[in-house]
Amino acid sequence: MLPTEPYNETVREYFRSSEHAGDLGRDYPQMLESTVAESRQGAQIVLAAGIEDGIIREMRFRVWGCPHLIAATAWLCAQLESGPVAAAMKDFPLQEIMRQLSVPVEKTGRILLLEDALKSLGMQYSRTD
């Protein structure tokens, strides 16, 4: 990556990929959705999870924001899909996201918006479990 390029290859790859973008593809025994927004910059995340037998069978998102936020949300969906809900809700991988995607420190607040969306899903799940 050249120093003048604002996004590393990982960001560009997740930004191009549409695998987790959109809505859930089918109905699940538990379907959760969280919407969070940051008004100053206009960023918004809609995060959805289809859960069956305590496993995240499908995760989808819609994001209005910069490529780093879009890539971070896609990365998180890829990491959590097919795993247990309980593990997904334990520790938000902020440092891993920042490192993997080379997110500038001044965009930390946008990535923390993703943490808020995931926490919201976790609270919904704990109320239904």
C-alpha atoms as a PDB file:
ATOM      1  CA  MET A   1       0.000   0.000   0.000  1.00  0.00           C
ATOM      2  CA  LEU A   2       1.341   3.405  -0.912  1.00  0.00           C
ATOM      3  CA  PRO A   3       1.331   6.005   1.897  1.00  0.00           C
ATOM      4  CA  THR A   4      -1.033   8.204  -0.134  1.00  0.00           C
ATOM      5  CA  GLU A   5      -3.744   5.507  -0.322  1.00  0.00           C
ATOM      6  CA  PRO A   6      -6.361   6.095   2.394  1.00  0.00           C
ATOM      7  CA  TYR A   7      -7.593   2.480   2.474  1.00  0.00           C
ATOM      8  CA  ASN A   8      -5.621  -0.739   2.736  1.00  0.00           C
ATOM      9  CA  GLU A   9      -6.373  -3.799   0.585  1.00  0.00           C
ATOM     10  CA  THR A  10      -8.491  -5.401   3.329  1.00  0.00           C
ATOM     11  CA  VAL A  11     -10.779  -2.361   3.446  1.00  0.00           C
ATOM     12  CA  ARG A  12     -11.044  -2.280  -0.331  1.00  0.00           C
ATOM     13  CA  GLU A  13     -11.875  -6.007  -0.419  1.00  0.00           C
ATOM     14  CA  TYR A  14     -14.630  -5.776   2.212  1.00  0.00           C
ATOM     15  CA  PHE A  15     -15.935  -2.582   0.625  1.00  0.00           C
ATOM     16  CA  ARG A  16     -16.285  -4.374  -2.732  1.00  0.00           C
ATOM     17  CA  SER A  17     -17.838  -7.501  -1.228  1.00  0.00           C
ATOM     18  CA  SER A  18     -21.585  -7.661  -0.815  1.00  0.00           C
ATOM     19  CA  GLU A  19     -21.722 -11.048   0.906  1.00  0.00           C
ATOM     20  CA  HIS A  20     -23.120  -9.690   4.194  1.00  0.00           C
ATOM     21  CA  ALA A  21     -24.774  -6.534   2.866  1.00  0.00           C
ATOM     22  CA  GLY A  22     -28.558  -6.324   2.840  1.00  0.00           C
ATOM     23  CA  ASP A  23     -31.255  -8.089   4.794  1.00  0.00           C
ATOM     24  CA  LEU A  24     -31.535 -11.582   6.240  1.00  0.00           C
ATOM     25  CA  GLY A  25     -32.263 -14.140   3.535  1.00  0.00           C
ATOM     26  CA  ARG A  26     -34.827 -16.198   5.417  1.00  0.00           C
ATOM     27  CA  ASP A  27     -36.746 -16.462   8.698  1.00  0.00           C
ATOM     28  CA  TYR A  28     -35.062 -17.798  11.834  1.00  0.00           C
ATOM     29  CA  PRO A  29     -36.416 -18.773  15.265  1.00  0.00           C
ATOM     30  CA  GLN A  30     -34.808 -15.576  16.593  1.00  0.00           C
ATOM     31  CA  MET A  31     -34.322 -12.535  14.402  1.00  0.00           C
ATOM     32  CA  LEU A  32     -32.683  -9.483  15.916  1.00  0.00           C
ATOM     33  CA  GLU A  33     -32.085  -6.072  14.393  1.00  0.00           C
ATOM     34  CA  SER A  34     -30.319  -3.010  15.730  1.00  0.00           C
ATOM     35  CA  THR A  35     -30.149   0.476  14.270  1.00  0.00           C
ATOM     36  CA  VAL A  36     -27.660   3.006  15.605  1.00  0.00           C
ATOM     37  CA  ALA A  37     -26.759   6.419  14.259  1.00  0.00           C
ATOM     38  CA  GLU A  38     -24.325   9.224  14.908  1.00  0.00           C
ATOM     39  CA  SER A  39     -25.927  12.517  13.952  1.00  0.00           C
ATOM     40  CA  ARG A  40     -22.870  14.758  13.614  1.00  0.00           C
ATOM     41  CA  GLN A  41     -21.282  12.772  10.776  1.00  0.00           C
ATOM     42  CA  GLY A  42     -24.507  11.109   9.588  1.00  0.00           C
ATOM     43  CA  ALA A  43     -23.199   7.560  10.036  1.00  0.00           C
ATOM     44  CA  GLN A  44     -25.804   4.845  10.517  1.00  0.00           C
ATOM     45  CA  ILE A  45     -25.626   1.075  10.945  1.00  0.00           C
ATOM     46  CA  VAL A  46     -28.434  -1.460  10.708  1.00  0.00           C
ATOM     47  CA  LEU A  47     -27.173  -4.817  11.977  1.00  0.00           C
ATOM     48  CA  ALA A  48     -29.325  -7.965  11.774  1.00  0.00           C
ATOM     49  CA  ALA A  49     -28.773 -11.501  13.049  1.00  0.00           C
ATOM     50  CA  GLY A  50     -30.677 -14.694  12.371  1.00  0.00           C
ATOM     51  CA  ILE A  51     -30.204 -17.047  15.315  1.00  0.00           C
ATOM     52  CA  GLU A  52     -31.018 -20.712  15.682  1.00  0.00           C
ATOM     53  CA  ASP A  53     -30.021 -22.982  18.584  1.00  0.00           C
ATOM     54  CA  GLY A  54     -27.782 -20.269  20.069  1.00  0.00           C
ATOM     55  CA  ILE A  55     -25.780 -19.929  16.835  1.00  0.00           C
ATOM     56  CA  ILE A  56     -25.642 -16.890  14.575  1.00  0.00           C
ATOM     57  CA  ARG A  57     -26.696 -18.549  11.342  1.00  0.00           C
ATOM     58  CA  GLU A  58     -26.725 -15.360   9.301  1.00  0.00           C
ATOM     59  CA  MET A  59     -25.591 -11.759   9.843  1.00  0.00           C
ATOM     60  CA  ARG A  60     -26.416  -8.883   7.541  1.00  0.00           C
ATOM     61  CA  PHE A  61     -25.909  -5.132   7.575  1.00  0.00           C
ATOM     62  CA  ARG A  62     -26.715  -1.832   5.949  1.00  0.00           C
ATOM     63  CA  VAL A  63     -24.306   1.053   6.567  1.00  0.00           C
ATOM     64  CA  TRP A  64     -24.338   4.714   5.679  1.00  0.00           C
ATOM     65  CA  GLY A  65     -20.797   5.901   6.304  1.00  0.00           C
ATOM     66  CA  CYS A  66     -17.204   5.870   5.194  1.00  0.00           C
ATOM     67  CA  PRO A  67     -15.474   2.850   3.609  1.00  0.00           C
ATOM     68  CA  HIS A  68     -13.750   2.059   6.934  1.00  0.00           C
ATOM     69  CA  LEU A  69     -17.112   1.729   8.691  1.00  0.00           C
ATOM     70  CA  ILE A  70     -18.603  -0.329   5.868  1.00  0.00           C
ATOM     71  CA  ALA A  71     -15.564  -2.630   5.828  1.00  0.00           C
ATOM     72  CA  ALA A  72     -15.519  -2.933   9.630  1.00  0.00           C
ATOM     73  CA  THR A  73     -19.169  -3.978   9.675  1.00  0.00           C
ATOM     74  CA  ALA A  74     -18.643  -6.505   6.885  1.00  0.00           C
ATOM     75  CA  TRP A  75     -15.558  -7.854   8.702  1.00  0.00           C
ATOM     76  CA  LEU A  76     -17.489  -8.214  11.961  1.00  0.00           C
ATOM     77  CA  CYS A  77     -20.354 -10.057  10.244  1.00  0.00           C
ATOM     78  CA  ALA A  78     -17.887 -12.474   8.632  1.00  0.00           C
ATOM     79  CA  GLN A  79     -16.165 -13.099  11.979  1.00  0.00           C
ATOM     80  CA  LEU A  80     -19.347 -13.713  13.977  1.00  0.00           C
ATOM     81  CA  GLU A  81     -21.498 -15.613  11.501  1.00  0.00           C
ATOM     82  CA  SER A  82     -21.715 -19.358  12.268  1.00  0.00           C
ATOM     83  CA  GLY A  83     -20.477 -18.817  15.822  1.00  0.00           C
ATOM     84  CA  PRO A  84     -22.253 -18.923  19.170  1.00  0.00           C
ATOM     85  CA  VAL A  85     -24.197 -15.829  20.157  1.00  0.00           C
ATOM     86  CA  ALA A  86     -22.741 -15.824  23.666  1.00  0.00           C
ATOM     87  CA  ALA A  87     -19.163 -15.563  22.360  1.00  0.00           C
ATOM     88  CA  ALA A  88     -20.095 -12.831  19.872  1.00  0.00           C
ATOM     89  CA  MET A  89     -21.454 -10.593  22.597  1.00  0.00           C
ATOM     90  CA  LYS A  90     -18.509 -10.870  25.020  1.00  0.00           C
ATOM     91  CA  ASP A  91     -15.697  -8.635  23.820  1.00  0.00           C
ATOM     92  CA  PHE A  92     -15.882  -6.201  20.944  1.00  0.00           C
ATOM     93  CA  PRO A  93     -12.670  -6.591  18.883  1.00  0.00           C
ATOM     94  CA  LEU A  94     -11.920  -2.870  18.564  1.00  0.00           C
ATOM     95  CA  GLN A  95      -8.139  -3.201  18.432  1.00  0.00           C
ATOM     96  CA  GLU A  96      -8.318  -6.062  15.926  1.00  0.00           C
ATOM     97  CA  ILE A  97     -10.617  -4.068  13.631  1.00  0.00           C
ATOM     98  CA  MET A  98      -8.414  -0.985  13.895  1.00  0.00           C
ATOM     99  CA  ARG A  99      -5.317  -3.062  13.097  1.00  0.00           C
ATOM    100  CA  GLN A 100      -6.755  -5.277  10.322  1.00  0.00           C
ATOM    101  CA  LEU A 101      -8.342  -2.361   8.494  1.00  0.00           C
ATOM    102  CA  SER A 102      -5.691   0.279   9.284  1.00  0.00           C
ATOM    103  CA  VAL A 103      -8.393   2.596  10.602  1.00  0.00           C
ATOM    104  CA  PRO A 104      -7.014   6.041  11.467  1.00  0.00           C
ATOM    105  CA  VAL A 105      -7.341   6.872  15.152  1.00  0.00           C
ATOM    106  CA  GLU A 106      -9.580   9.836  14.337  1.00  0.00           C
ATOM    107  CA  LYS A 107     -12.200   7.355  13.040  1.00  0.00           C
ATOM    108  CA  THR A 108     -12.337   5.357  16.283  1.00  0.00           C
ATOM    109  CA  GLY A 109     -15.710   6.906  17.128  1.00  0.00           C
ATOM    110  CA  ARG A 110     -17.225   5.515  13.950  1.00  0.00           C
ATOM    111  CA  ILE A 111     -15.991   2.027  14.777  1.00  0.00           C
ATOM    112  CA  LEU A 112     -17.393   2.378  18.297  1.00  0.00           C
ATOM    113  CA  LEU A 113     -20.776   2.944  16.659  1.00  0.00           C
ATOM    114  CA  LEU A 114     -20.465  -0.646  15.435  1.00  0.00           C
ATOM    115  CA  GLU A 115     -19.835  -1.734  19.030  1.00  0.00           C
ATOM    116  CA  ASP A 116     -23.073   0.001  20.032  1.00  0.00           C
ATOM    117  CA  ALA A 117     -24.981  -1.897  17.331  1.00  0.00           C
ATOM    118  CA  LEU A 118     -23.554  -5.219  18.503  1.00  0.00           C
ATOM    119  CA  LYS A 119     -24.308  -4.427  22.161  1.00  0.00           C
ATOM    120  CA  SER A 120     -27.876  -3.626  21.189  1.00  0.00           C
ATOM    121  CA  LEU A 121     -28.205  -7.038  19.534  1.00  0.00           C
ATOM    122  CA  GLY A 122     -26.756  -8.631  22.657  1.00  0.00           C
ATOM    123  CA  MET A 123     -29.279  -6.882  24.913  1.00  0.00           C
ATOM    124  CA  GLN A 124     -32.130  -7.998  22.680  1.00  0.00           C
ATOM    125  CA  TYR A 125     -30.847 -11.568  22.715  1.00  0.00           C
ATOM    126  CA  SER A 126     -30.517 -11.642  26.509  1.00  0.00           C
ATOM    127  CA  ARG A 127     -34.136 -10.500  26.853  1.00  0.00           C
ATOM    128  CA  THR A 128     -35.387 -13.309  24.580  1.00  0.00           C
ATOM    129  CA  ASP A 129     -33.092 -16.102  25.760  1.00  0.00           C
END
